[in-house]
Amino acid sequence: MTSAIVPGGEPYSFEGGPLGVLVLHGFTGNPVSMRPLAEACARAGFTVELPRLPGHGTTMEDMMTTGWADWSATALETYDELAGRCDKVAVVGLSMGAGLAALVAESRPEVVGCVFINPWINPLNPELLDGLNQLIDAGVETLEAVGSDIKKEAISEMAYDATPLVCTKSACDGLVTVRENLGKIFVPSLLLTSRIDHTVNWERGEDIVARSSGPVEQIWLEDSYHVATLDNDAALVEWATVAFLQRVFGS
């Protein structure tokens, strides 16, 4: 039996012009968090693909059967399909979706640009990772939720109400290689960073500035928390993303 998808958590696809944008949501979230940004890209005339990562947007039990290999495969496969019907493709990601966007850019050098929104690029520091392993070894399956860190009142990204620890460990393992390979990104990047983020410390995004081989433009978000795409700075995020994409596409 297939689990029901949360309202609005379905994949989003829009067939626009020859310029494509891959949009990726974050850990324990689903396309709800990125749908407005994806639609802004569609209004700009781009062809857009926003997949639902495996195990996301249904039930926690579904997610606990998946890991980094599944999420990264979906990101790369969706990119390849999009690139097969577009002249140029850029990648956009929020949180772990930004880590996946970095992976795509590292693996597919024809990517023309990257937008990273409050990126989760760094794995946990050794002390936290050791604590995570101890909890897993002790049989602890979940901790408190990390989703819906939004300053704007009465807004939810429909993320899970807990954080699966084995999945967290899988993401951390995958992000080690992503961070090591940031130097393989030679194209321009846009980094959108919330001053206050209760999910991912803003300093984690600084690795993109320090390690990327391409130019990085950074915009600070002053009135949003982690899920800035649904927060008070959403209009700025959408405008800056579309403007950046138009520049890297040369459109």
Protein backbone atom coordinates (compact mmCIF):
# COMPACT_ATOMS: atom_id res chain seq x y z
CA MET A 1 0.00 0.00 0.00
CA THR A 2 1.33 3.40 -1.00
CA SER A 3 1.23 6.08 1.70
CA ALA A 4 -0.75 9.22 0.95
CA ILE A 5 1.21 12.35 0.10
CA VAL A 6 0.66 15.38 2.32
CA PRO A 7 -1.44 18.14 0.73
CA GLY A 8 0.78 20.13 -1.63
CA GLY A 9 3.64 17.66 -1.28
CA GLU A 10 3.36 16.33 -4.81
CA PRO A 11 6.20 16.82 -7.29
CA TYR A 12 5.87 19.93 -9.43
CA SER A 13 6.70 20.11 -13.12
CA PHE A 14 6.32 22.95 -15.59
CA GLU A 15 7.17 22.87 -19.27
CA GLY A 16 8.47 26.30 -20.22
CA GLY A 17 11.26 27.32 -22.57
CA PRO A 18 14.67 25.77 -23.33
CA LEU A 19 16.18 26.89 -20.01
CA GLY A 20 15.66 24.45 -17.14
CA VAL A 21 15.71 24.75 -13.36
CA LEU A 22 15.98 21.81 -10.95
CA VAL A 23 14.51 22.72 -7.55
CA LEU A 24 15.23 20.55 -4.49
CA HIS A 25 13.57 20.56 -1.07
CA GLY A 26 15.14 19.78 2.29
CA PHE A 27 15.48 17.00 4.85
CA THR A 28 12.17 15.74 6.36
CA GLY A 29 10.35 18.32 4.23
CA ASN A 30 8.70 17.99 0.82
CA PRO A 31 7.87 20.13 -2.24
CA VAL A 32 5.59 22.39 -0.14
CA SER A 33 8.63 24.38 0.98
CA MET A 34 9.83 25.03 -2.58
CA ARG A 35 6.60 25.21 -4.55
CA PRO A 36 6.28 29.04 -4.50
CA LEU A 37 9.88 29.44 -5.67
CA ALA A 38 9.39 26.80 -8.35
CA GLU A 39 6.28 28.61 -9.55
CA ALA A 40 8.19 31.91 -9.64
CA CYS A 41 10.74 30.24 -11.92
CA ALA A 42 7.91 28.93 -14.08
CA ARG A 43 6.40 32.43 -14.36
CA ALA A 44 9.79 33.61 -15.62
CA GLY A 45 9.45 31.14 -18.49
CA PHE A 46 11.82 28.43 -17.32
CA THR A 47 11.13 24.72 -17.52
CA VAL A 48 11.00 23.53 -13.91
CA GLU A 49 11.27 20.19 -12.12
CA LEU A 50 10.68 19.94 -8.36
CA PRO A 51 10.80 16.25 -7.37
CA ARG A 52 9.60 14.76 -4.11
CA LEU A 53 12.61 13.04 -2.58
CA PRO A 54 12.08 9.35 -1.66
CA GLY A 55 10.54 8.86 1.77
CA HIS A 56 9.52 12.50 2.09
CA GLY A 57 6.05 13.98 2.18
CA THR A 58 4.26 10.79 3.27
CA THR A 59 5.08 9.12 6.60
CA MET A 60 8.06 8.87 8.88
CA GLU A 61 7.99 5.12 8.37
CA ASP A 62 8.50 5.66 4.64
CA MET A 63 11.44 7.96 5.22
CA MET A 64 13.16 5.52 7.53
CA THR A 65 13.49 3.06 4.63
CA THR A 66 15.47 5.60 2.58
CA GLY A 67 18.81 7.37 2.75
CA TRP A 68 21.33 9.57 0.95
CA ALA A 69 21.76 7.09 -1.90
CA ASP A 70 18.04 7.33 -2.71
CA TRP A 71 17.85 11.13 -2.41
CA SER A 72 21.00 11.78 -4.44
CA ALA A 73 19.91 9.32 -7.12
CA THR A 74 16.60 11.16 -7.50
CA ALA A 75 18.37 14.53 -7.76
CA LEU A 76 20.80 13.29 -10.41
CA GLU A 77 18.19 11.37 -12.39
CA THR A 78 15.82 14.33 -12.42
CA TYR A 79 18.65 16.60 -13.53
CA ASP A 80 19.64 14.24 -16.34
CA GLU A 81 16.05 14.01 -17.57
CA LEU A 82 15.69 17.79 -17.46
CA ALA A 83 19.03 18.36 -19.19
CA GLY A 84 17.93 15.97 -21.92
CA ARG A 85 15.18 18.36 -22.99
CA CYS A 86 16.70 21.75 -22.13
CA ASP A 87 19.63 23.70 -23.60
CA LYS A 88 20.89 24.83 -20.18
CA VAL A 89 20.03 23.85 -16.61
CA ALA A 90 20.65 25.48 -13.22
CA VAL A 91 20.06 23.98 -9.77
CA VAL A 92 18.30 25.47 -6.74
CA GLY A 93 18.13 23.92 -3.28
CA LEU A 94 17.05 24.59 0.30
CA SER A 95 18.88 23.03 3.26
CA MET A 96 19.75 19.41 2.37
CA GLY A 97 18.32 20.21 -1.05
CA ALA A 98 21.18 22.70 -1.38
CA GLY A 99 23.60 19.90 -0.50
CA LEU A 100 22.02 17.82 -3.24
CA ALA A 101 22.22 20.78 -5.63
CA ALA A 102 25.94 21.01 -4.87
CA LEU A 103 26.30 17.30 -5.57
CA VAL A 104 24.60 17.74 -8.94
CA ALA A 105 26.88 20.66 -9.86
CA GLU A 106 29.96 18.68 -8.77
CA SER A 107 28.86 15.66 -10.81
CA ARG A 108 27.48 17.46 -13.88
CA PRO A 109 29.92 20.21 -14.93
CA GLU A 110 27.49 21.48 -17.57
CA VAL A 111 25.31 22.99 -14.83
CA VAL A 112 25.33 26.75 -15.47
CA GLY A 113 24.58 28.07 -11.98
CA CYS A 114 23.59 27.18 -8.41
CA VAL A 115 21.28 28.80 -5.87
CA PHE A 116 21.87 27.70 -2.28
CA ILE A 117 19.26 28.70 0.32
CA ASN A 118 20.35 28.17 3.94
CA PRO A 119 22.41 25.21 2.78
CA TRP A 120 23.13 22.10 4.76
CA ILE A 121 26.56 21.32 3.30
CA ASN A 122 28.68 20.45 6.31
CA PRO A 123 28.11 17.20 8.16
CA LEU A 124 27.85 17.34 11.95
CA ASN A 125 30.98 18.13 13.94
CA PRO A 126 32.74 15.08 15.45
CA GLU A 127 31.22 15.53 18.91
CA LEU A 128 27.64 15.72 17.62
CA LEU A 129 28.25 12.86 15.20
CA ASP A 130 29.56 10.72 18.04
CA GLY A 131 26.46 11.54 20.06
CA LEU A 132 24.26 10.66 17.10
CA ASN A 133 25.97 7.28 16.75
CA GLN A 134 25.55 6.59 20.46
CA LEU A 135 21.83 7.30 20.27
CA ILE A 136 21.44 5.02 17.24
CA ASP A 137 23.41 2.26 18.98
CA ALA A 138 21.12 2.64 22.00
CA GLY A 139 18.07 2.04 19.80
CA VAL A 140 16.78 5.61 19.70
CA GLU A 141 14.99 6.09 16.38
CA THR A 142 13.93 9.74 16.38
CA LEU A 143 14.47 13.09 18.06
CA GLU A 144 12.45 16.32 17.99
CA ALA A 145 11.53 17.78 14.62
CA VAL A 146 13.80 20.14 12.69
CA GLY A 147 11.19 21.24 10.14
CA SER A 148 9.08 24.39 9.83
CA ASP A 149 11.63 26.79 11.31
CA ILE A 150 9.68 29.79 10.05
CA LYS A 151 9.42 33.24 11.65
CA LYS A 152 6.17 34.11 9.92
CA GLU A 153 3.19 33.05 12.03
CA ALA A 154 0.81 30.22 11.10
CA ILE A 155 2.99 28.90 8.25
CA SER A 156 4.10 25.27 8.00
CA GLU A 157 6.18 23.41 5.44
CA MET A 158 4.30 20.20 6.33
CA ALA A 159 7.53 18.52 7.43
CA TYR A 160 7.63 15.45 9.65
CA ASP A 161 7.03 15.93 13.37
CA ALA A 162 10.25 14.12 14.31
CA THR A 163 13.77 13.62 12.97
CA PRO A 164 14.80 10.06 12.02
CA LEU A 165 18.33 9.48 13.32
CA VAL A 166 19.46 6.79 10.87
CA CYS A 167 18.42 9.07 8.00
CA THR A 168 20.29 11.96 9.62
CA LYS A 169 23.41 9.82 9.82
CA SER A 170 23.00 8.85 6.16
CA ALA A 171 22.74 12.50 5.14
CA CYS A 172 25.83 13.38 7.17
CA ASP A 173 27.80 10.59 5.51
CA GLY A 174 26.79 11.81 2.06
CA LEU A 175 27.54 15.45 2.82
CA VAL A 176 31.15 14.63 3.73
CA THR A 177 31.94 14.00 0.06
CA VAL A 178 29.83 16.95 -1.10
CA ARG A 179 31.82 19.32 1.12
CA GLU A 180 35.15 17.82 0.00
CA ASN A 181 34.19 18.35 -3.67
CA LEU A 182 32.92 21.95 -3.50
CA GLY A 183 36.03 22.99 -5.42
CA LYS A 184 34.57 21.16 -8.44
CA ILE A 185 31.90 23.84 -8.74
CA PHE A 186 33.25 26.35 -11.26
CA VAL A 187 30.00 28.09 -12.17
CA PRO A 188 28.46 31.15 -10.44
CA SER A 189 26.50 30.57 -7.25
CA LEU A 190 23.97 32.60 -5.27
CA LEU A 191 23.98 32.03 -1.51
CA LEU A 192 20.90 33.19 0.40
CA THR A 193 21.49 33.13 4.15
CA SER A 194 19.16 33.87 7.06
CA ARG A 195 20.78 35.80 9.90
CA ILE A 196 18.82 33.69 12.38
CA ASP A 197 18.47 30.00 11.59
CA HIS A 198 17.54 27.46 14.26
CA THR A 199 18.10 24.45 12.00
CA VAL A 200 21.39 25.03 10.17
CA ASN A 201 23.97 27.48 11.48
CA TRP A 202 24.62 30.20 8.89
CA GLU A 203 28.35 29.53 9.16
CA ARG A 204 27.83 26.24 7.34
CA GLY A 205 27.12 28.16 4.15
CA GLU A 206 30.46 29.90 4.35
CA ASP A 207 32.14 26.72 3.07
CA ILE A 208 30.57 27.47 -0.30
CA VAL A 209 32.19 30.89 -0.30
CA ALA A 210 35.55 29.51 0.79
CA ARG A 211 35.70 26.31 -1.25
CA SER A 212 33.78 26.89 -4.49
CA SER A 213 35.94 27.54 -7.56
CA GLY A 214 33.29 29.82 -9.05
CA PRO A 215 32.13 33.28 -8.00
CA VAL A 216 29.67 33.36 -5.10
CA GLU A 217 27.19 36.18 -4.52
CA GLN A 218 25.73 36.27 -1.01
CA ILE A 219 22.49 37.90 0.10
CA TRP A 220 21.59 38.07 3.78
CA LEU A 221 17.98 37.49 4.78
CA GLU A 222 17.11 39.65 7.75
CA ASP A 223 13.52 38.62 8.49
CA SER A 224 13.39 34.86 7.99
CA TYR A 225 14.46 31.67 9.72
CA HIS A 226 15.53 28.43 8.02
CA VAL A 227 12.65 27.88 5.59
CA ALA A 228 13.11 31.29 3.99
CA THR A 229 11.16 30.26 0.90
CA LEU A 230 7.95 30.40 2.97
CA ASP A 231 8.96 33.15 5.37
CA ASN A 232 8.92 36.95 5.46
CA ASP A 233 11.74 37.20 2.90
CA ALA A 234 10.09 34.85 0.38
CA ALA A 235 9.53 37.63 -2.17
CA LEU A 236 13.21 38.61 -1.96
CA VAL A 237 14.27 34.97 -2.33
CA GLU A 238 12.10 34.59 -5.42
CA TRP A 239 13.22 37.86 -7.01
CA ALA A 240 16.91 37.26 -6.32
CA THR A 241 16.74 33.68 -7.58
CA VAL A 242 15.00 34.55 -10.83
CA ALA A 243 17.30 37.52 -11.46
CA PHE A 244 20.37 35.35 -10.84
CA LEU A 245 19.08 32.62 -13.13
CA GLN A 246 18.40 35.12 -15.89
CA ARG A 247 22.00 36.34 -15.61
CA VAL A 248 23.64 32.91 -15.68
CA PHE A 249 21.40 31.80 -18.51
CA GLY A 250 22.19 34.97 -20.42
CA SER A 251 18.46 35.52 -20.91
